[in-house]
Amino acid sequence: MAASVREAVLARRPVDAREHRSIASFVELFDGLERPFDEHAARVHVTASAIVVAEDRRRVVLHLHKRLQKWLQPGGHIDTGESPSQAALREAAEETGLPVVLVSEALIHVDVHPGPRGHTHLDLRYLIESPHVRPAPAAQESQQVQWFAWHQAIDLAEPGLEGVLRAAQPGEAKIRAVRNTDAGGCAQVYMRSREFALPTVPVVHAPREVRRWMADEVVGRTDMWVAEVDGTIVGLLVLAVDAKDVGWVEQLYLDPAWMGRGLGDRFVQLAKERVPGGLQLWTFQVNEPARRFYERHGFIAEQFTDGAGNEERSPDIRYRWSP
């Protein structure tokens, strides 16, 4: 079982920077364990969790952890003879009281985090379904178990849970003009995207500064568009035309969980429709996926710099698209 678990973890396409780091940590720690699934063998051990969704996928279950007082997914330790997916299913049944079924043996998320008593949990997560009925947790479990709309669960989620909820949320992203109430969601996408795509570029603004900038200077004061899935912001586009009538893509960010789904293509097409005379943009030289993306859409690199002109002091590139 150990070899198949290790292989499955390495095969994961991370949904955000947190999972990217967790995959690396999981393998490093896992390889040093003699009995990785035994909670009594070492302070570091493998655990299993369940992302429990309704059969129609419109709701997800969280429970209020009695000790941590945080809304979390069901999960826990792996009993002798269990596979991680079986443990996730058992924990889901015990902690929610729902008639749960395992959707697939495939991993949907990996997270490494501190556990109680100084332990470290190497958590494997699986997708599990249930009819949308009232939870009935066992007497010894937390009695606060609820079905949440996806956007509610994502808003409540800890950083180690947010990514998988964003990735698992069903629905088609709809692009619309930004609203004033979107500032917090836009700031979150901006920070998650930067952390995932640009891990080597210095972070020069604290999260609270990013939220203030987004609310006070961007939302409502620019030509801004967002992609939304049932109340969750998953992407943003900011356009501008300067004093010389040159169009600019000022910001284009997708949540990491939504990269590779065609949403960026839709934003670029919108930008070209709104500024048909031509567009320019800056991107960091180290962001090779972004460079390939823009070049695929007809943008041509015209200027390479040493980064002296940006806050991060990181080498960048100016691209131009002409119709």
Protein backbone atom coordinates (compact mmCIF):
# COMPACT_ATOMS: atom_id res chain seq x y z
CA MET A 1 0.00 0.00 0.00
CA ALA A 2 2.83 2.41 0.80
CA ALA A 3 4.19 2.33 -2.75
CA SER A 4 0.77 2.98 -4.32
CA VAL A 5 0.07 5.86 -1.91
CA ARG A 6 3.44 7.45 -2.68
CA GLU A 7 2.80 7.10 -6.41
CA ALA A 8 -0.68 8.63 -6.09
CA VAL A 9 0.67 11.61 -4.15
CA LEU A 10 3.38 12.28 -6.72
CA ALA A 11 0.79 12.08 -9.51
CA ARG A 12 -1.29 14.89 -8.01
CA ARG A 13 -1.61 18.12 -10.00
CA PRO A 14 -1.65 20.62 -7.11
CA VAL A 15 -4.65 22.94 -6.86
CA ASP A 16 -2.66 25.73 -5.21
CA ALA A 17 0.68 26.65 -3.63
CA ARG A 18 -0.32 25.03 -0.33
CA GLU A 19 -0.84 21.63 -1.97
CA HIS A 20 2.34 22.03 -4.03
CA ARG A 21 4.34 22.40 -0.82
CA SER A 22 2.37 19.61 0.88
CA ILE A 23 3.18 17.10 -1.86
CA ALA A 24 6.90 17.75 -1.47
CA SER A 25 6.68 17.56 2.33
CA PHE A 26 4.53 14.42 2.22
CA VAL A 27 7.04 12.45 0.17
CA GLU A 28 10.04 13.63 2.18
CA LEU A 29 8.42 12.72 5.51
CA PHE A 30 6.69 9.57 4.25
CA ASP A 31 9.95 8.09 2.99
CA GLY A 32 11.43 8.29 6.49
CA LEU A 33 8.63 6.33 8.18
CA GLU A 34 8.73 2.61 8.94
CA ARG A 35 4.99 2.37 9.66
CA PRO A 36 3.50 5.46 8.01
CA PHE A 37 -0.17 4.52 8.62
CA ASP A 38 0.22 3.74 12.34
CA GLU A 39 -0.61 6.75 14.52
CA HIS A 40 1.27 5.17 17.44
CA ALA A 41 4.51 4.49 15.55
CA ALA A 42 5.70 8.08 15.18
CA ARG A 43 4.58 11.66 15.64
CA VAL A 44 4.38 11.90 11.85
CA HIS A 45 1.79 9.63 10.23
CA VAL A 46 -0.73 9.40 7.39
CA THR A 47 -4.37 10.36 7.98
CA ALA A 48 -7.41 10.33 5.69
CA SER A 49 -10.17 12.87 5.10
CA ALA A 50 -13.44 13.06 3.19
CA ILE A 51 -14.79 15.84 1.01
CA VAL A 52 -18.47 14.96 1.38
CA VAL A 53 -20.73 16.34 -1.33
CA ALA A 54 -24.42 15.96 -2.08
CA GLU A 55 -25.38 13.62 -4.90
CA ASP A 56 -26.33 16.62 -7.05
CA ARG A 57 -22.99 18.26 -6.04
CA ARG A 58 -24.74 21.47 -4.95
CA ARG A 59 -23.74 21.23 -1.28
CA VAL A 60 -20.74 20.15 0.79
CA VAL A 61 -20.57 19.02 4.43
CA LEU A 62 -18.35 20.50 7.14
CA HIS A 63 -18.32 19.89 10.89
CA LEU A 64 -17.24 22.21 13.68
CA HIS A 65 -14.20 20.56 15.23
CA LYS A 66 -14.81 20.36 18.99
CA ARG A 67 -11.25 21.19 20.03
CA LEU A 68 -10.16 23.57 17.27
CA GLN A 69 -13.55 25.29 16.92
CA LYS A 70 -13.05 25.44 13.16
CA TRP A 71 -15.25 24.19 10.34
CA LEU A 72 -13.39 21.26 8.79
CA GLN A 73 -13.93 18.21 6.63
CA PRO A 74 -14.50 14.81 8.33
CA GLY A 75 -11.35 12.76 8.76
CA GLY A 76 -8.96 11.04 11.12
CA HIS A 77 -6.52 8.20 11.66
CA ILE A 78 -6.30 5.00 9.65
CA ASP A 79 -7.15 1.78 11.47
CA THR A 80 -5.17 -1.44 11.06
CA GLY A 81 -6.11 -3.17 7.82
CA GLU A 82 -7.80 -0.12 6.31
CA SER A 83 -6.82 1.64 3.14
CA PRO A 84 -6.77 5.45 3.32
CA SER A 85 -9.96 5.70 1.23
CA GLN A 86 -11.73 3.21 3.52
CA ALA A 87 -10.64 5.25 6.54
CA ALA A 88 -11.97 8.43 4.95
CA LEU A 89 -15.32 6.74 4.30
CA ARG A 90 -15.52 5.38 7.86
CA GLU A 91 -14.64 8.74 9.42
CA ALA A 92 -17.23 10.47 7.23
CA ALA A 93 -19.93 8.04 8.34
CA GLU A 94 -19.01 8.38 12.04
CA GLU A 95 -18.62 12.15 12.09
CA THR A 96 -21.65 13.03 9.96
CA GLY A 97 -24.05 10.11 10.36
CA LEU A 98 -24.80 10.35 6.65
CA PRO A 99 -25.26 7.35 4.29
CA VAL A 100 -21.97 8.03 2.51
CA VAL A 101 -20.41 6.25 -0.47
CA LEU A 102 -16.93 6.53 -1.93
CA VAL A 103 -16.98 8.16 -5.36
CA SER A 104 -13.49 7.02 -6.38
CA GLU A 105 -10.26 5.62 -4.99
CA ALA A 106 -8.48 8.53 -6.67
CA LEU A 107 -6.91 11.17 -4.43
CA ILE A 108 -8.40 14.63 -4.80
CA HIS A 109 -6.08 16.49 -2.41
CA VAL A 110 -3.02 16.21 -0.19
CA ASP A 111 -2.30 18.40 2.82
CA VAL A 112 0.42 18.31 5.46
CA HIS A 113 -0.47 20.09 8.69
CA PRO A 114 0.06 20.02 12.46
CA GLY A 115 -2.13 17.67 14.44
CA PRO A 116 -2.83 17.43 18.19
CA ARG A 117 -0.16 16.45 20.74
CA GLY A 118 2.67 17.71 18.55
CA HIS A 119 1.86 15.31 15.72
CA THR A 120 2.15 16.02 11.99
CA HIS A 121 -0.61 14.68 9.74
CA LEU A 122 0.06 13.64 6.17
CA ASP A 123 -3.55 13.91 5.06
CA LEU A 124 -4.97 12.11 2.03
CA ARG A 125 -8.37 13.31 0.82
CA TYR A 126 -11.09 11.54 -1.16
CA LEU A 127 -14.39 12.52 -2.73
CA ILE A 128 -17.43 11.00 -1.02
CA GLU A 129 -21.15 11.40 -1.79
CA SER A 130 -24.31 11.36 0.27
CA PRO A 131 -27.99 12.07 -0.29
CA HIS A 132 -28.86 15.59 0.86
CA VAL A 133 -30.40 14.48 4.16
CA ARG A 134 -30.02 15.73 7.72
CA PRO A 135 -26.68 14.79 9.32
CA ALA A 136 -26.89 12.54 12.40
CA PRO A 137 -23.40 12.30 13.92
CA ALA A 138 -22.58 9.74 16.61
CA ALA A 139 -23.04 10.93 20.20
CA GLN A 140 -19.31 11.27 20.87
CA GLU A 141 -18.74 13.38 17.76
CA SER A 142 -19.31 17.08 17.20
CA GLN A 143 -23.03 17.68 16.84
CA GLN A 144 -22.48 20.73 14.67
CA VAL A 145 -22.50 19.20 11.20
CA GLN A 146 -23.99 21.17 8.34
CA TRP A 147 -24.52 21.24 4.60
CA PHE A 148 -23.10 24.42 3.08
CA ALA A 149 -23.38 26.08 -0.31
CA TRP A 150 -19.94 25.97 -1.91
CA HIS A 151 -19.25 29.69 -1.60
CA GLN A 152 -20.13 29.53 2.11
CA ALA A 153 -17.81 26.59 2.71
CA ILE A 154 -14.98 28.24 0.77
CA ASP A 155 -15.37 31.43 2.81
CA LEU A 156 -15.17 29.41 6.05
CA ALA A 157 -12.32 27.15 4.96
CA GLU A 158 -8.84 27.08 6.41
CA PRO A 159 -5.98 27.56 3.89
CA GLY A 160 -5.36 23.81 3.83
CA LEU A 161 -8.96 23.12 2.82
CA GLU A 162 -9.78 26.09 0.58
CA GLY A 163 -7.93 24.81 -2.47
CA VAL A 164 -9.68 21.45 -2.71
CA LEU A 165 -13.09 23.06 -2.19
CA ARG A 166 -12.39 25.53 -4.99
CA ALA A 167 -11.22 22.71 -7.26
CA ALA A 168 -14.21 20.47 -6.48
CA GLN A 169 -16.86 23.18 -6.79
CA PRO A 170 -19.09 22.33 -9.77
CA GLY A 171 -20.47 24.76 -12.30
CA GLU A 172 -19.48 26.94 -15.22
CA ALA A 173 -17.62 30.18 -14.58
CA LYS A 174 -19.64 33.21 -15.71
CA ILE A 175 -17.79 36.38 -16.66
CA ARG A 176 -19.46 39.63 -15.60
CA ALA A 177 -18.62 43.20 -14.65
CA VAL A 178 -17.22 43.57 -11.15
CA ARG A 179 -19.38 44.67 -8.20
CA ASN A 180 -18.27 46.52 -5.10
CA THR A 181 -19.01 43.44 -3.01
CA ASP A 182 -16.42 41.45 -5.01
CA ALA A 183 -13.34 43.17 -3.57
CA GLY A 184 -12.58 40.53 -0.94
CA GLY A 185 -12.98 37.66 -3.39
CA CYS A 186 -10.82 39.43 -5.98
CA ALA A 187 -8.06 40.03 -3.45
CA GLN A 188 -8.12 36.36 -2.47
CA VAL A 189 -7.80 35.19 -6.09
CA TYR A 190 -4.99 37.70 -6.70
CA MET A 191 -3.00 36.46 -3.69
CA ARG A 192 -3.62 32.77 -4.34
CA SER A 193 -2.64 33.15 -7.98
CA ARG A 194 0.53 35.10 -7.22
CA GLU A 195 1.60 32.61 -4.55
CA PHE A 196 1.10 29.66 -6.91
CA ALA A 197 2.49 31.07 -10.16
CA LEU A 198 5.27 33.30 -8.81
CA PRO A 199 6.84 31.59 -5.76
CA THR A 200 10.26 33.13 -6.44
CA VAL A 201 9.05 36.71 -6.94
CA PRO A 202 9.25 38.74 -3.70
CA VAL A 203 6.00 39.56 -1.91
CA VAL A 204 6.12 43.30 -1.15
CA HIS A 205 2.60 43.84 0.24
CA ALA A 206 0.93 42.18 3.22
CA PRO A 207 -2.51 40.59 2.66
CA ARG A 208 -4.28 43.47 4.40
CA GLU A 209 -2.60 45.93 2.02
CA VAL A 210 -3.67 43.87 -0.98
CA ARG A 211 -7.26 43.84 0.27
CA ARG A 212 -7.23 47.59 0.85
CA TRP A 213 -5.71 48.25 -2.60
CA MET A 214 -8.27 46.01 -4.28
CA ALA A 215 -11.21 47.63 -2.46
CA ASP A 216 -10.07 51.28 -2.63
CA GLU A 217 -8.17 51.55 -5.89
CA VAL A 218 -9.23 48.77 -8.25
CA VAL A 219 -12.82 47.61 -7.78
CA GLY A 220 -15.23 50.30 -8.97
CA ARG A 221 -12.44 52.49 -10.36
CA THR A 222 -11.27 50.47 -13.34
CA ASP A 223 -12.66 48.53 -16.30
CA MET A 224 -12.77 45.30 -14.33
CA TRP A 225 -14.36 41.94 -15.01
CA VAL A 226 -14.61 38.83 -12.85
CA ALA A 227 -15.36 35.16 -13.34
CA GLU A 228 -17.81 33.79 -10.79
CA VAL A 229 -19.07 30.30 -10.00
CA ASP A 230 -22.19 30.41 -7.81
CA GLY A 231 -20.90 33.15 -5.53
CA THR A 232 -17.18 32.30 -5.65
CA ILE A 233 -14.80 34.59 -7.55
CA VAL A 234 -12.34 32.47 -9.54
CA GLY A 235 -10.69 34.99 -11.88
CA LEU A 236 -10.30 38.69 -12.66
CA LEU A 237 -9.36 40.98 -15.52
CA VAL A 238 -8.49 44.69 -15.31
CA LEU A 239 -8.17 46.77 -18.48
CA ALA A 240 -7.00 50.35 -19.02
CA VAL A 241 -6.38 52.82 -21.82
CA ASP A 242 -3.59 55.32 -21.16
CA ALA A 243 -3.22 58.96 -22.22
CA LYS A 244 -1.77 57.85 -25.56
CA ASP A 245 -4.81 55.66 -26.24
CA VAL A 246 -2.76 52.51 -25.70
CA GLY A 247 -4.73 49.61 -24.23
CA TRP A 248 -3.29 47.66 -21.33
CA VAL A 249 -4.10 44.40 -19.59
CA GLU A 250 -3.32 45.67 -16.10
CA GLN A 251 -4.28 42.49 -14.24
CA LEU A 252 -5.28 39.00 -15.33
CA TYR A 253 -5.35 36.43 -12.54
CA LEU A 254 -7.03 33.05 -12.21
CA ASP A 255 -7.42 31.03 -9.07
CA PRO A 256 -4.92 28.14 -9.31
CA ALA A 257 -7.77 25.63 -9.06
CA TRP A 258 -9.19 27.08 -12.30
CA MET A 259 -6.02 27.18 -14.36
CA GLY A 260 -6.12 24.97 -17.43
CA ARG A 261 -9.92 25.11 -17.82
CA GLY A 262 -10.06 27.67 -20.64
CA LEU A 263 -11.00 30.62 -18.44
CA GLY A 264 -7.88 32.58 -19.33
CA ASP A 265 -8.71 32.22 -23.04
CA ARG A 266 -12.14 33.72 -22.39
CA PHE A 267 -10.64 36.68 -20.54
CA VAL A 268 -8.16 37.42 -23.34
CA GLN A 269 -10.94 37.27 -25.91
CA LEU A 270 -12.95 39.75 -23.81
CA ALA A 271 -9.93 42.05 -23.56
CA LYS A 272 -9.47 42.03 -27.34
CA GLU A 273 -13.16 42.77 -27.87
CA ARG A 274 -13.14 45.71 -25.46
CA VAL A 275 -9.85 47.19 -26.67
CA PRO A 276 -9.78 46.11 -30.33
CA GLY A 277 -7.08 48.57 -31.34
CA GLY A 278 -4.35 46.64 -29.56
CA LEU A 279 -3.11 45.69 -26.11
CA GLN A 280 0.04 45.68 -24.07
CA LEU A 281 0.92 44.04 -20.77
CA TRP A 282 3.80 43.27 -18.42
CA THR A 283 4.62 39.85 -17.01
CA PHE A 284 7.58 38.53 -15.05
CA GLN A 285 10.27 36.71 -17.00
CA VAL A 286 10.20 33.74 -14.61
CA ASN A 287 6.48 33.18 -15.29
CA GLU A 288 7.03 30.85 -18.22
CA PRO A 289 3.46 29.45 -18.29
CA ALA A 290 2.10 33.01 -18.60
CA ARG A 291 4.60 33.81 -21.34
CA ARG A 292 3.53 30.73 -23.33
CA PHE A 293 -0.12 31.62 -22.76
CA TYR A 294 0.19 35.19 -24.05
CA GLU A 295 2.36 34.16 -27.00
CA ARG A 296 -0.26 31.56 -27.95
CA HIS A 297 -2.77 34.41 -28.09
CA GLY A 298 -0.63 36.46 -30.46
CA PHE A 299 1.23 38.70 -28.00
CA ILE A 300 4.80 39.50 -28.99
CA ALA A 301 7.60 40.26 -26.54
CA GLU A 302 8.93 43.75 -27.24
CA GLN A 303 10.93 44.78 -24.17
CA PHE A 304 12.94 42.89 -21.55
CA THR A 305 13.97 44.70 -18.36
CA ASP A 306 16.10 44.04 -15.29
CA GLY A 307 13.12 44.71 -13.02
CA ALA A 308 14.24 48.15 -11.85
CA GLY A 309 10.87 49.58 -12.84
CA ASN A 310 8.63 47.30 -10.76
CA GLU A 311 8.08 47.03 -7.01
CA GLU A 312 9.40 43.49 -6.81
CA ARG A 313 12.65 44.37 -8.62
CA SER A 314 12.21 41.22 -10.70
CA PRO A 315 13.02 41.09 -14.44
CA ASP A 316 9.91 41.48 -16.56
CA ILE A 317 8.72 41.60 -20.17
CA ARG A 318 6.42 43.95 -22.04
CA TYR A 319 4.18 42.18 -24.54
CA ARG A 320 2.12 43.73 -27.35
CA TRP A 321 -0.83 42.41 -29.30
CA SER A 322 -1.88 44.14 -32.53
CA PRO A 323 -5.04 43.19 -34.44
